[in-house]
Amino acid sequence: MIENGHRPSFGFENHVEGLVVGLDEAGMGCWAGDVFAAAAYVPETVPAHFLQHIHDSKKLTPQKRQDLLDGYPAVGVQVAVASASLAEIDQLNIRGAALKAMERAFAALALEAELALVDGTMTPVLPCRVQPIIKGDQQSYSIAAASIAAKVSRDRYMAELDKLHPEYRWVKNAGYGTKAHQMALDQYGVSAYHRRSYRPIQALLKKEG
């Protein structure tokens, strides 16, 4: 694992002669909904004026993330997004499910990569070398591009679930355990889209009997 404090660059990618793909997840810490992952390939031909905006998705506004993702095709950024279901989260645990989503995203990207750069400490099983990078979405353009795609895609998904259950305000909290989400759970109970393997949800289910 590697850690440094630089903003995104091609520093890690430039150490490899072959193609490099970035991987990141979205939604591991949420109480509701599937976990998502994205795989991204960012060619060095992407214009500097576009690259300068690619950063850790958490540092960007929702509109900026959306604009960047919409602009990927025009500048040659390739991306694929995948997910792992609630059932898989409860069966495999969240880490195992996130790894599964990453492996699916990599397969969907369908590129013969020599190296996969992965945000954090996870090491999905892939047909290439895997390098975890702590805070990788702040250091690698490939990972940062993937983080944006994963976040935007999952937020869209949670916005659709919000239409089914507006009482939990998922369009605002994306399924994270905010105070408003907790209050809604106390008032309305657990939905079919909550992660039953998570302790806060298990505690509520016990109360409900």
N, C-alpha and C. Protein backbone atom coordinates (compact mmCIF):
# COMPACT_ATOMS: atom_id res chain seq x y z
N MET A 1 0.84 -1.19 0.00
CA MET A 1 0.00 0.00 0.00
C MET A 1 0.88 1.25 0.00
N ILE A 2 0.41 2.29 -0.68
CA ILE A 2 1.19 3.50 -0.82
C ILE A 2 0.34 4.67 -0.37
N GLU A 3 0.97 5.62 0.27
CA GLU A 3 0.24 6.80 0.73
C GLU A 3 1.10 8.03 0.54
N ASN A 4 0.53 9.08 -0.05
CA ASN A 4 1.18 10.38 -0.05
C ASN A 4 0.11 11.45 -0.11
N GLY A 5 0.50 12.71 -0.04
CA GLY A 5 -0.48 13.77 0.08
C GLY A 5 -0.67 14.60 -1.16
N HIS A 6 -0.29 14.14 -2.33
CA HIS A 6 -0.37 14.91 -3.55
C HIS A 6 -1.78 14.93 -4.11
N ARG A 7 -2.08 15.95 -4.92
CA ARG A 7 -3.35 15.95 -5.65
C ARG A 7 -3.21 15.00 -6.83
N PRO A 8 -4.30 14.65 -7.49
CA PRO A 8 -4.21 13.66 -8.57
C PRO A 8 -3.21 14.01 -9.65
N SER A 9 -2.57 12.98 -10.17
CA SER A 9 -1.61 13.12 -11.26
C SER A 9 -1.52 11.78 -11.97
N PHE A 10 -0.61 11.69 -12.94
CA PHE A 10 -0.32 10.42 -13.60
C PHE A 10 0.93 9.78 -13.01
N GLY A 11 1.30 10.19 -11.80
CA GLY A 11 2.53 9.68 -11.20
C GLY A 11 2.60 8.17 -11.09
N PHE A 12 1.53 7.56 -10.63
CA PHE A 12 1.50 6.10 -10.50
C PHE A 12 1.40 5.43 -11.87
N GLU A 13 0.58 6.01 -12.73
CA GLU A 13 0.38 5.44 -14.06
C GLU A 13 1.67 5.46 -14.88
N ASN A 14 2.47 6.49 -14.72
CA ASN A 14 3.67 6.64 -15.54
C ASN A 14 4.75 5.62 -15.23
N HIS A 15 4.62 4.90 -14.12
CA HIS A 15 5.60 3.88 -13.78
C HIS A 15 5.35 2.56 -14.50
N VAL A 16 4.29 2.52 -15.29
CA VAL A 16 3.90 1.28 -15.97
C VAL A 16 3.85 1.53 -17.48
N GLU A 17 4.41 0.61 -18.24
CA GLU A 17 4.39 0.76 -19.70
C GLU A 17 3.02 0.47 -20.29
N GLY A 18 2.31 -0.49 -19.71
CA GLY A 18 1.01 -0.88 -20.25
C GLY A 18 -0.13 -0.01 -19.75
N LEU A 19 -1.32 -0.45 -20.04
CA LEU A 19 -2.53 0.29 -19.69
C LEU A 19 -2.83 0.17 -18.19
N VAL A 20 -3.23 1.27 -17.59
CA VAL A 20 -3.55 1.31 -16.15
C VAL A 20 -5.00 1.72 -15.96
N VAL A 21 -5.69 1.00 -15.09
CA VAL A 21 -7.10 1.27 -14.79
C VAL A 21 -7.22 1.64 -13.31
N GLY A 22 -8.11 2.58 -13.00
CA GLY A 22 -8.38 2.94 -11.62
C GLY A 22 -9.70 2.36 -11.15
N LEU A 23 -9.77 2.01 -9.87
CA LEU A 23 -10.99 1.43 -9.29
C LEU A 23 -11.33 2.12 -7.97
N ASP A 24 -12.61 2.38 -7.78
CA ASP A 24 -13.07 2.92 -6.49
C ASP A 24 -14.52 2.50 -6.27
N GLU A 25 -14.93 2.55 -5.00
CA GLU A 25 -16.29 2.16 -4.63
C GLU A 25 -17.06 3.36 -4.12
N ALA A 26 -18.36 3.18 -3.99
CA ALA A 26 -19.22 4.20 -3.38
C ALA A 26 -20.31 3.50 -2.59
N GLY A 27 -20.51 3.94 -1.35
CA GLY A 27 -21.62 3.44 -0.55
C GLY A 27 -21.30 2.37 0.46
N MET A 28 -20.03 2.13 0.76
CA MET A 28 -19.71 1.09 1.73
C MET A 28 -20.26 1.40 3.11
N GLY A 29 -20.25 2.67 3.48
CA GLY A 29 -20.68 3.05 4.82
C GLY A 29 -22.16 3.33 4.97
N CYS A 30 -22.92 3.13 3.92
CA CYS A 30 -24.35 3.45 3.95
C CYS A 30 -25.15 2.38 4.70
N TRP A 31 -26.31 2.78 5.17
CA TRP A 31 -27.21 1.85 5.86
C TRP A 31 -28.21 1.22 4.89
N ALA A 32 -28.31 1.78 3.70
CA ALA A 32 -29.31 1.30 2.74
C ALA A 32 -28.75 1.29 1.33
N GLY A 33 -29.30 0.41 0.50
CA GLY A 33 -28.95 0.38 -0.91
C GLY A 33 -27.75 -0.47 -1.25
N ASP A 34 -27.62 -0.75 -2.55
CA ASP A 34 -26.49 -1.53 -3.06
C ASP A 34 -25.19 -0.76 -2.91
N VAL A 35 -24.07 -1.46 -2.98
CA VAL A 35 -22.76 -0.82 -3.03
C VAL A 35 -22.32 -0.79 -4.48
N PHE A 36 -21.73 0.31 -4.90
CA PHE A 36 -21.32 0.50 -6.29
C PHE A 36 -19.80 0.58 -6.41
N ALA A 37 -19.31 0.32 -7.60
CA ALA A 37 -17.89 0.48 -7.91
C ALA A 37 -17.75 0.89 -9.36
N ALA A 38 -16.66 1.56 -9.67
CA ALA A 38 -16.39 1.96 -11.05
C ALA A 38 -14.94 1.67 -11.39
N ALA A 39 -14.72 1.38 -12.65
CA ALA A 39 -13.38 1.22 -13.21
C ALA A 39 -13.21 2.29 -14.28
N ALA A 40 -12.05 2.94 -14.30
CA ALA A 40 -11.85 4.03 -15.26
C ALA A 40 -10.46 3.97 -15.88
N TYR A 41 -10.42 4.31 -17.15
CA TYR A 41 -9.15 4.47 -17.87
C TYR A 41 -9.08 5.91 -18.34
N VAL A 42 -8.03 6.61 -17.92
CA VAL A 42 -7.83 8.02 -18.26
C VAL A 42 -6.57 8.14 -19.12
N PRO A 43 -6.71 8.31 -20.42
CA PRO A 43 -5.53 8.45 -21.27
C PRO A 43 -4.82 9.77 -21.02
N GLU A 44 -3.53 9.81 -21.24
CA GLU A 44 -2.77 11.04 -21.01
C GLU A 44 -3.07 12.10 -22.05
N THR A 45 -3.86 11.77 -23.04
CA THR A 45 -4.26 12.74 -24.05
C THR A 45 -5.43 13.61 -23.60
N VAL A 46 -5.99 13.34 -22.44
CA VAL A 46 -7.07 14.17 -21.92
C VAL A 46 -6.56 15.59 -21.73
N PRO A 47 -7.26 16.60 -22.24
CA PRO A 47 -6.79 17.98 -22.13
C PRO A 47 -6.57 18.42 -20.69
N ALA A 48 -5.56 19.25 -20.49
CA ALA A 48 -5.23 19.71 -19.14
C ALA A 48 -6.38 20.46 -18.49
N HIS A 49 -7.14 21.21 -19.30
CA HIS A 49 -8.25 21.99 -18.72
C HIS A 49 -9.34 21.09 -18.16
N PHE A 50 -9.42 19.85 -18.65
CA PHE A 50 -10.38 18.87 -18.11
C PHE A 50 -9.76 18.14 -16.93
N LEU A 51 -8.52 17.73 -17.09
CA LEU A 51 -7.84 16.98 -16.02
C LEU A 51 -7.80 17.74 -14.71
N GLN A 52 -7.64 19.04 -14.77
CA GLN A 52 -7.47 19.81 -13.54
C GLN A 52 -8.69 19.75 -12.62
N HIS A 53 -9.82 19.32 -13.18
CA HIS A 53 -11.04 19.23 -12.37
C HIS A 53 -11.28 17.82 -11.82
N ILE A 54 -10.53 16.84 -12.31
CA ILE A 54 -10.71 15.46 -11.81
C ILE A 54 -10.03 15.33 -10.45
N HIS A 55 -10.81 15.04 -9.46
CA HIS A 55 -10.30 14.94 -8.08
C HIS A 55 -11.18 13.96 -7.32
N ASP A 56 -10.79 13.70 -6.09
CA ASP A 56 -11.60 12.91 -5.17
C ASP A 56 -13.04 13.40 -5.24
N SER A 57 -13.98 12.49 -5.50
CA SER A 57 -15.38 12.89 -5.70
C SER A 57 -15.95 13.62 -4.50
N LYS A 58 -15.44 13.33 -3.31
CA LYS A 58 -15.96 13.97 -2.09
C LYS A 58 -15.60 15.45 -2.04
N LYS A 59 -14.62 15.87 -2.84
CA LYS A 59 -14.19 17.26 -2.86
C LYS A 59 -14.92 18.07 -3.93
N LEU A 60 -15.84 17.44 -4.66
CA LEU A 60 -16.56 18.09 -5.75
C LEU A 60 -18.04 18.21 -5.42
N THR A 61 -18.68 19.23 -5.96
CA THR A 61 -20.13 19.37 -5.78
C THR A 61 -20.85 18.32 -6.63
N PRO A 62 -22.09 17.99 -6.28
CA PRO A 62 -22.84 17.03 -7.10
C PRO A 62 -22.92 17.44 -8.57
N GLN A 63 -23.14 18.73 -8.83
CA GLN A 63 -23.23 19.20 -10.21
C GLN A 63 -21.90 19.06 -10.94
N LYS A 64 -20.80 19.35 -10.24
CA LYS A 64 -19.48 19.22 -10.87
C LYS A 64 -19.19 17.76 -11.19
N ARG A 65 -19.52 16.87 -10.28
CA ARG A 65 -19.32 15.44 -10.55
C ARG A 65 -20.12 15.01 -11.78
N GLN A 66 -21.36 15.46 -11.85
CA GLN A 66 -22.22 15.10 -12.99
C GLN A 66 -21.65 15.65 -14.29
N ASP A 67 -21.21 16.90 -14.27
CA ASP A 67 -20.66 17.52 -15.48
C ASP A 67 -19.41 16.79 -15.96
N LEU A 68 -18.56 16.40 -15.02
CA LEU A 68 -17.33 15.68 -15.39
C LEU A 68 -17.67 14.32 -16.00
N LEU A 69 -18.57 13.58 -15.35
CA LEU A 69 -18.93 12.27 -15.88
C LEU A 69 -19.54 12.39 -17.27
N ASP A 70 -20.39 13.39 -17.47
CA ASP A 70 -20.99 13.61 -18.78
C ASP A 70 -19.93 13.94 -19.83
N GLY A 71 -18.83 14.55 -19.39
CA GLY A 71 -17.78 14.95 -20.32
C GLY A 71 -16.75 13.88 -20.62
N TYR A 72 -16.79 12.77 -19.91
CA TYR A 72 -15.79 11.71 -20.11
C TYR A 72 -15.69 11.25 -21.57
N PRO A 73 -16.78 10.90 -22.23
CA PRO A 73 -16.65 10.36 -23.59
C PRO A 73 -15.94 11.30 -24.56
N ALA A 74 -16.20 12.60 -24.43
CA ALA A 74 -15.64 13.57 -25.37
C ALA A 74 -14.12 13.69 -25.25
N VAL A 75 -13.58 13.40 -24.07
CA VAL A 75 -12.13 13.53 -23.88
C VAL A 75 -11.42 12.18 -23.85
N GLY A 76 -12.17 11.11 -24.06
CA GLY A 76 -11.55 9.78 -24.16
C GLY A 76 -11.45 8.99 -22.88
N VAL A 77 -12.06 9.47 -21.79
CA VAL A 77 -12.06 8.70 -20.54
C VAL A 77 -13.08 7.57 -20.68
N GLN A 78 -12.64 6.35 -20.42
CA GLN A 78 -13.53 5.19 -20.49
C GLN A 78 -13.86 4.73 -19.08
N VAL A 79 -15.12 4.42 -18.85
CA VAL A 79 -15.55 4.04 -17.51
C VAL A 79 -16.63 2.98 -17.57
N ALA A 80 -16.65 2.13 -16.56
CA ALA A 80 -17.71 1.13 -16.40
C ALA A 80 -18.09 1.09 -14.93
N VAL A 81 -19.38 0.95 -14.67
CA VAL A 81 -19.90 0.94 -13.30
C VAL A 81 -20.64 -0.37 -13.05
N ALA A 82 -20.49 -0.90 -11.85
CA ALA A 82 -21.18 -2.13 -11.46
C ALA A 82 -21.59 -2.01 -10.00
N SER A 83 -22.38 -2.97 -9.54
CA SER A 83 -22.84 -2.94 -8.15
C SER A 83 -22.91 -4.34 -7.58
N ALA A 84 -23.06 -4.39 -6.27
CA ALA A 84 -23.35 -5.64 -5.56
C ALA A 84 -24.61 -5.40 -4.75
N SER A 85 -25.46 -6.39 -4.72
CA SER A 85 -26.80 -6.23 -4.16
C SER A 85 -26.84 -6.25 -2.64
N LEU A 86 -28.00 -5.90 -2.11
CA LEU A 86 -28.23 -5.99 -0.67
C LEU A 86 -28.01 -7.42 -0.17
N ALA A 87 -28.50 -8.39 -0.93
CA ALA A 87 -28.34 -9.79 -0.54
C ALA A 87 -26.86 -10.17 -0.48
N GLU A 88 -26.09 -9.67 -1.44
CA GLU A 88 -24.65 -9.97 -1.45
C GLU A 88 -23.94 -9.28 -0.30
N ILE A 89 -24.37 -8.07 0.04
CA ILE A 89 -23.79 -7.37 1.18
C ILE A 89 -24.03 -8.16 2.46
N ASP A 90 -25.25 -8.63 2.64
CA ASP A 90 -25.58 -9.38 3.86
C ASP A 90 -24.94 -10.76 3.88
N GLN A 91 -24.72 -11.33 2.70
CA GLN A 91 -24.12 -12.67 2.63
C GLN A 91 -22.60 -12.63 2.74
N LEU A 92 -21.98 -11.70 2.02
CA LEU A 92 -20.51 -11.66 1.92
C LEU A 92 -19.87 -10.72 2.93
N ASN A 93 -20.59 -9.81 3.49
CA ASN A 93 -20.21 -8.63 4.26
C ASN A 93 -19.89 -7.50 3.28
N ILE A 94 -19.85 -6.28 3.77
CA ILE A 94 -19.74 -5.13 2.87
C ILE A 94 -18.41 -5.11 2.11
N ARG A 95 -17.35 -5.53 2.75
CA ARG A 95 -16.06 -5.54 2.06
C ARG A 95 -16.07 -6.54 0.91
N GLY A 96 -16.58 -7.73 1.18
CA GLY A 96 -16.66 -8.75 0.13
C GLY A 96 -17.54 -8.31 -1.02
N ALA A 97 -18.65 -7.64 -0.70
CA ALA A 97 -19.55 -7.16 -1.74
C ALA A 97 -18.91 -6.05 -2.56
N ALA A 98 -18.19 -5.15 -1.90
CA ALA A 98 -17.51 -4.07 -2.63
C ALA A 98 -16.44 -4.63 -3.56
N LEU A 99 -15.73 -5.64 -3.11
CA LEU A 99 -14.74 -6.31 -3.97
C LEU A 99 -15.42 -6.92 -5.18
N LYS A 100 -16.58 -7.54 -4.96
CA LYS A 100 -17.33 -8.14 -6.06
C LYS A 100 -17.75 -7.07 -7.07
N ALA A 101 -18.19 -5.92 -6.58
CA ALA A 101 -18.59 -4.83 -7.47
C ALA A 101 -17.39 -4.31 -8.27
N MET A 102 -16.23 -4.22 -7.62
CA MET A 102 -15.03 -3.78 -8.33
C MET A 102 -14.65 -4.76 -9.44
N GLU A 103 -14.71 -6.04 -9.12
CA GLU A 103 -14.37 -7.06 -10.12
C GLU A 103 -15.32 -7.01 -11.30
N ARG A 104 -16.60 -6.75 -11.03
CA ARG A 104 -17.58 -6.64 -12.11
C ARG A 104 -17.33 -5.39 -12.95
N ALA A 105 -16.99 -4.29 -12.30
CA ALA A 105 -16.72 -3.06 -13.05
C ALA A 105 -15.50 -3.22 -13.95
N PHE A 106 -14.46 -3.85 -13.41
CA PHE A 106 -13.25 -4.08 -14.20
C PHE A 106 -13.57 -4.94 -15.42
N ALA A 107 -14.35 -6.00 -15.21
CA ALA A 107 -14.72 -6.89 -16.32
C ALA A 107 -15.55 -6.15 -17.36
N ALA A 108 -16.44 -5.27 -16.90
CA ALA A 108 -17.31 -4.53 -17.81
C ALA A 108 -16.52 -3.51 -18.63
N LEU A 109 -15.44 -3.00 -18.08
CA LEU A 109 -14.61 -2.05 -18.83
C LEU A 109 -13.96 -2.72 -20.03
N ALA A 110 -13.66 -4.01 -19.87
CA ALA A 110 -13.19 -4.84 -20.99
C ALA A 110 -11.93 -4.30 -21.65
N LEU A 111 -10.96 -3.90 -20.83
CA LEU A 111 -9.66 -3.46 -21.34
C LEU A 111 -8.58 -4.39 -20.79
N GLU A 112 -7.56 -4.64 -21.58
CA GLU A 112 -6.46 -5.50 -21.13
C GLU A 112 -5.44 -4.65 -20.38
N ALA A 113 -5.70 -4.47 -19.10
CA ALA A 113 -4.85 -3.63 -18.28
C ALA A 113 -3.65 -4.41 -17.74
N GLU A 114 -2.56 -3.70 -17.57
CA GLU A 114 -1.39 -4.29 -16.93
C GLU A 114 -1.45 -4.09 -15.42
N LEU A 115 -2.10 -2.99 -15.00
CA LEU A 115 -2.15 -2.65 -13.58
C LEU A 115 -3.50 -2.03 -13.25
N ALA A 116 -4.03 -2.39 -12.09
CA ALA A 116 -5.23 -1.75 -11.55
C ALA A 116 -4.85 -1.03 -10.26
N LEU A 117 -5.09 0.27 -10.22
CA LEU A 117 -4.87 1.07 -9.03
C LEU A 117 -6.19 1.14 -8.26
N VAL A 118 -6.17 0.75 -7.00
CA VAL A 118 -7.41 0.65 -6.21
C VAL A 118 -7.34 1.59 -5.02
N ASP A 119 -8.39 2.37 -4.82
CA ASP A 119 -8.43 3.26 -3.68
C ASP A 119 -8.53 2.47 -2.38
N GLY A 120 -7.75 2.88 -1.38
CA GLY A 120 -7.83 2.25 -0.07
C GLY A 120 -6.93 1.04 0.07
N THR A 121 -7.44 0.02 0.74
CA THR A 121 -6.63 -1.16 1.07
C THR A 121 -7.13 -2.44 0.43
N MET A 122 -8.17 -2.36 -0.38
CA MET A 122 -8.76 -3.58 -0.93
C MET A 122 -8.00 -4.07 -2.15
N THR A 123 -8.00 -5.39 -2.31
CA THR A 123 -7.31 -6.01 -3.44
C THR A 123 -8.26 -6.98 -4.16
N PRO A 124 -9.06 -6.49 -5.09
CA PRO A 124 -9.94 -7.38 -5.84
C PRO A 124 -9.14 -8.38 -6.66
N VAL A 125 -9.75 -9.50 -6.96
CA VAL A 125 -9.10 -10.53 -7.77
C VAL A 125 -9.32 -10.18 -9.24
N LEU A 126 -8.24 -9.78 -9.90
CA LEU A 126 -8.31 -9.33 -11.29
C LEU A 126 -7.25 -10.03 -12.13
N PRO A 127 -7.42 -10.04 -13.44
CA PRO A 127 -6.43 -10.68 -14.32
C PRO A 127 -5.24 -9.78 -14.62
N CYS A 128 -4.85 -8.97 -13.65
CA CYS A 128 -3.69 -8.09 -13.81
C CYS A 128 -3.15 -7.77 -12.42
N ARG A 129 -2.05 -7.07 -12.37
CA ARG A 129 -1.47 -6.68 -11.08
C ARG A 129 -2.37 -5.64 -10.42
N VAL A 130 -2.49 -5.72 -9.10
CA VAL A 130 -3.35 -4.81 -8.34
C VAL A 130 -2.51 -4.05 -7.33
N GLN A 131 -2.68 -2.73 -7.27
CA GLN A 131 -1.94 -1.91 -6.33
C GLN A 131 -2.89 -1.03 -5.53
N PRO A 132 -3.11 -1.35 -4.25
CA PRO A 132 -3.94 -0.49 -3.40
C PRO A 132 -3.18 0.79 -3.05
N ILE A 133 -3.89 1.91 -3.02
CA ILE A 133 -3.28 3.19 -2.67
C ILE A 133 -4.18 3.90 -1.67
N ILE A 134 -3.69 4.12 -0.48
CA ILE A 134 -4.45 4.84 0.52
C ILE A 134 -4.68 6.27 0.04
N LYS A 135 -5.93 6.72 0.12
CA LYS A 135 -6.34 8.02 -0.41
C LYS A 135 -5.97 8.15 -1.88
N GLY A 136 -6.12 7.05 -2.59
CA GLY A 136 -5.76 7.04 -4.00
C GLY A 136 -6.57 7.99 -4.85
N ASP A 137 -7.82 8.27 -4.43
CA ASP A 137 -8.65 9.18 -5.20
C ASP A 137 -8.15 10.62 -5.12
N GLN A 138 -7.21 10.89 -4.23
CA GLN A 138 -6.59 12.21 -4.14
C GLN A 138 -5.23 12.26 -4.83
N GLN A 139 -4.81 11.12 -5.40
CA GLN A 139 -3.47 11.04 -5.95
C GLN A 139 -3.40 10.59 -7.40
N SER A 140 -4.32 9.75 -7.81
CA SER A 140 -4.29 9.17 -9.16
C SER A 140 -5.50 9.64 -9.97
N TYR A 141 -5.24 10.13 -11.18
CA TYR A 141 -6.34 10.52 -12.06
C TYR A 141 -7.26 9.34 -12.35
N SER A 142 -6.68 8.15 -12.50
CA SER A 142 -7.47 6.97 -12.82
C SER A 142 -8.46 6.65 -11.70
N ILE A 143 -7.97 6.67 -10.46
CA ILE A 143 -8.84 6.38 -9.32
C ILE A 143 -9.85 7.50 -9.11
N ALA A 144 -9.41 8.75 -9.23
CA ALA A 144 -10.32 9.88 -9.05
C ALA A 144 -11.45 9.84 -10.06
N ALA A 145 -11.13 9.51 -11.31
CA ALA A 145 -12.16 9.41 -12.35
C ALA A 145 -13.16 8.31 -12.01
N ALA A 146 -12.65 7.20 -11.48
CA ALA A 146 -13.53 6.11 -11.07
C ALA A 146 -14.40 6.51 -9.88
N SER A 147 -13.82 7.26 -8.95
CA SER A 147 -14.58 7.67 -7.77
C SER A 147 -15.75 8.56 -8.15
N ILE A 148 -15.54 9.42 -9.14
CA ILE A 148 -16.62 10.30 -9.62
C ILE A 148 -17.74 9.47 -10.23
N ALA A 149 -17.38 8.53 -11.09
CA ALA A 149 -18.38 7.69 -11.76
C ALA A 149 -19.17 6.85 -10.76
N ALA A 150 -18.48 6.28 -9.78
CA ALA A 150 -19.15 5.45 -8.78
C ALA A 150 -20.11 6.28 -7.94
N LYS A 151 -19.66 7.46 -7.52
CA LYS A 151 -20.49 8.32 -6.67
C LYS A 151 -21.72 8.82 -7.41
N VAL A 152 -21.54 9.31 -8.64
CA VAL A 152 -22.68 9.81 -9.41
C VAL A 152 -23.69 8.69 -9.67
N SER A 153 -23.19 7.53 -10.04
CA SER A 153 -24.08 6.41 -10.36
C SER A 153 -24.86 5.96 -9.14
N ARG A 154 -24.19 5.89 -8.00
CA ARG A 154 -24.91 5.45 -6.80
C ARG A 154 -25.90 6.50 -6.32
N ASP A 155 -25.54 7.78 -6.43
CA ASP A 155 -26.48 8.83 -6.03
C ASP A 155 -27.74 8.79 -6.90
N ARG A 156 -27.57 8.52 -8.20
CA ARG A 156 -28.74 8.39 -9.08
C ARG A 156 -29.63 7.23 -8.62
N TYR A 157 -28.98 6.13 -8.29
CA TYR A 157 -29.71 4.94 -7.83
C TYR A 157 -30.49 5.24 -6.55
N MET A 158 -29.85 5.93 -5.60
CA MET A 158 -30.52 6.25 -4.35
C MET A 158 -31.64 7.26 -4.57
N ALA A 159 -31.49 8.14 -5.55
CA ALA A 159 -32.56 9.09 -5.87
C ALA A 159 -33.79 8.35 -6.40
N GLU A 160 -33.57 7.27 -7.14
CA GLU A 160 -34.68 6.45 -7.62
C GLU A 160 -35.35 5.72 -6.45
N LEU A 161 -34.55 5.20 -5.52
CA LEU A 161 -35.14 4.55 -4.34
C LEU A 161 -35.90 5.55 -3.48
N ASP A 162 -35.44 6.80 -3.49
CA ASP A 162 -36.12 7.84 -2.72
C ASP A 162 -37.55 8.05 -3.20
N LYS A 163 -37.79 7.81 -4.48
CA LYS A 163 -39.15 7.95 -5.02
C LYS A 163 -40.08 6.89 -4.43
N LEU A 164 -39.50 5.74 -4.08
CA LEU A 164 -40.29 4.67 -3.46
C LEU A 164 -40.48 4.90 -1.97
N HIS A 165 -39.45 5.48 -1.34
CA HIS A 165 -39.49 5.71 0.11
C HIS A 165 -38.98 7.11 0.44
N PRO A 166 -39.75 8.14 0.11
CA PRO A 166 -39.30 9.52 0.38
C PRO A 166 -39.13 9.83 1.86
N GLU A 167 -39.73 9.00 2.72
CA GLU A 167 -39.65 9.28 4.16
C GLU A 167 -38.22 9.19 4.70
N TYR A 168 -37.34 8.45 4.03
CA TYR A 168 -35.97 8.30 4.52
C TYR A 168 -35.02 9.38 3.97
N ARG A 169 -35.50 10.16 3.03
CA ARG A 169 -34.73 11.27 2.44
C ARG A 169 -33.41 10.80 1.82
N TRP A 170 -33.47 9.68 1.12
CA TRP A 170 -32.27 9.13 0.50
C TRP A 170 -31.70 10.03 -0.59
N VAL A 171 -32.55 10.85 -1.19
CA VAL A 171 -32.04 11.76 -2.20
C VAL A 171 -31.09 12.78 -1.57
N LYS A 172 -31.23 12.99 -0.27
CA LYS A 172 -30.36 13.91 0.46
C LYS A 172 -29.18 13.20 1.12
N ASN A 173 -29.46 12.06 1.76
CA ASN A 173 -28.40 11.41 2.56
C ASN A 173 -27.76 10.21 1.87
N ALA A 174 -28.27 9.82 0.69
CA ALA A 174 -27.71 8.71 -0.10
C ALA A 174 -27.65 7.39 0.67
N GLY A 175 -28.42 7.29 1.75
CA GLY A 175 -28.44 6.06 2.53
C GLY A 175 -27.51 6.05 3.71
N TYR A 176 -26.75 7.14 3.90
CA TYR A 176 -25.84 7.21 5.06
C TYR A 176 -26.64 7.43 6.34
N GLY A 177 -26.02 7.11 7.46
CA GLY A 177 -26.71 7.15 8.74
C GLY A 177 -26.79 8.52 9.35
N THR A 178 -27.42 9.45 8.66
CA THR A 178 -27.58 10.80 9.18
C THR A 178 -28.63 10.82 10.29
N LYS A 179 -28.70 11.94 10.98
CA LYS A 179 -29.69 12.08 12.05
C LYS A 179 -31.11 11.96 11.49
N ALA A 180 -31.34 12.59 10.33
CA ALA A 180 -32.67 12.53 9.71
C ALA A 180 -33.03 11.10 9.30
N HIS A 181 -32.04 10.36 8.81
CA HIS A 181 -32.26 8.97 8.43
C HIS A 181 -32.59 8.14 9.67
N GLN A 182 -31.86 8.37 10.73
CA GLN A 182 -32.11 7.64 11.98
C GLN A 182 -33.51 7.94 12.51
N MET A 183 -33.90 9.20 12.46
CA MET A 183 -35.23 9.58 12.94
C MET A 183 -36.33 8.93 12.10
N ALA A 184 -36.10 8.86 10.79
CA ALA A 184 -37.09 8.23 9.90
C ALA A 184 -37.20 6.73 10.19
N LEU A 185 -36.07 6.11 10.47
CA LEU A 185 -36.08 4.68 10.83
C LEU A 185 -36.85 4.45 12.12
N ASP A 186 -36.65 5.34 13.08
CA ASP A 186 -37.37 5.22 14.35
C ASP A 186 -38.87 5.37 14.15
N GLN A 187 -39.25 6.22 13.21
CA GLN A 187 -40.68 6.50 12.98
C GLN A 187 -41.34 5.48 12.05
N TYR A 188 -40.64 5.11 10.97
CA TYR A 188 -41.26 4.28 9.94
C TYR A 188 -40.77 2.83 9.92
N GLY A 189 -39.70 2.56 10.64
CA GLY A 189 -39.17 1.21 10.64
C GLY A 189 -38.22 0.94 9.49
N VAL A 190 -37.81 -0.30 9.37
CA VAL A 190 -36.81 -0.72 8.39
C VAL A 190 -37.50 -1.09 7.07
N SER A 191 -36.94 -0.60 5.97
CA SER A 191 -37.50 -0.90 4.64
C SER A 191 -36.82 -2.13 4.04
N ALA A 192 -37.31 -2.55 2.90
CA ALA A 192 -36.71 -3.68 2.19
C ALA A 192 -35.35 -3.34 1.61
N TYR A 193 -35.00 -2.05 1.60
CA TYR A 193 -33.74 -1.62 1.00
C TYR A 193 -32.66 -1.34 2.04
N HIS A 194 -32.94 -1.60 3.30
CA HIS A 194 -31.93 -1.41 4.33
C HIS A 194 -31.07 -2.66 4.48
N ARG A 195 -29.82 -2.46 4.89
CA ARG A 195 -28.85 -3.55 5.02
C ARG A 195 -29.03 -4.24 6.37
N ARG A 196 -29.60 -5.40 6.34
CA ARG A 196 -29.94 -6.08 7.58
C ARG A 196 -28.74 -6.61 8.34
N SER A 197 -27.59 -6.69 7.71
CA SER A 197 -26.38 -7.15 8.40
C SER A 197 -25.70 -6.03 9.17
N TYR A 198 -26.18 -4.79 9.02
CA TYR A 198 -25.57 -3.65 9.70
C TYR A 198 -26.14 -3.53 11.11
N ARG A 199 -25.27 -3.27 12.06
CA ARG A 199 -25.68 -3.25 13.47
C ARG A 199 -26.82 -2.28 13.77
N PRO A 200 -26.79 -1.03 13.27
CA PRO A 200 -27.91 -0.13 13.57
C PRO A 200 -29.24 -0.67 13.06
N ILE A 201 -29.22 -1.34 11.92
CA ILE A 201 -30.45 -1.91 11.36
C ILE A 201 -30.86 -3.14 12.16
N GLN A 202 -29.89 -3.96 12.54
CA GLN A 202 -30.19 -5.13 13.36
C GLN A 202 -30.83 -4.73 14.68
N ALA A 203 -30.32 -3.65 15.26
CA ALA A 203 -30.86 -3.19 16.54
C ALA A 203 -32.32 -2.76 16.39
N LEU A 204 -32.63 -2.09 15.28
CA LEU A 204 -34.01 -1.66 15.05
C LEU A 204 -34.93 -2.86 14.79
N LEU A 205 -34.42 -3.84 14.05
CA LEU A 205 -35.22 -5.03 13.78
C LEU A 205 -35.55 -5.78 15.07
N LYS A 206 -34.62 -5.79 16.01
CA LYS A 206 -34.88 -6.44 17.30
C LYS A 206 -35.98 -5.70 18.06
N LYS A 207 -35.94 -4.37 17.97
CA LYS A 207 -36.98 -3.57 18.63
C LYS A 207 -38.35 -3.84 18.03
N GLU A 208 -38.34 -4.00 16.69
CA GLU A 208 -39.60 -4.25 15.99
C GLU A 208 -40.14 -5.64 16.29
N GLY A 209 -39.26 -6.50 16.82
CA GLY A 209 -39.69 -7.84 17.21
C GLY A 209 -39.82 -8.81 16.08
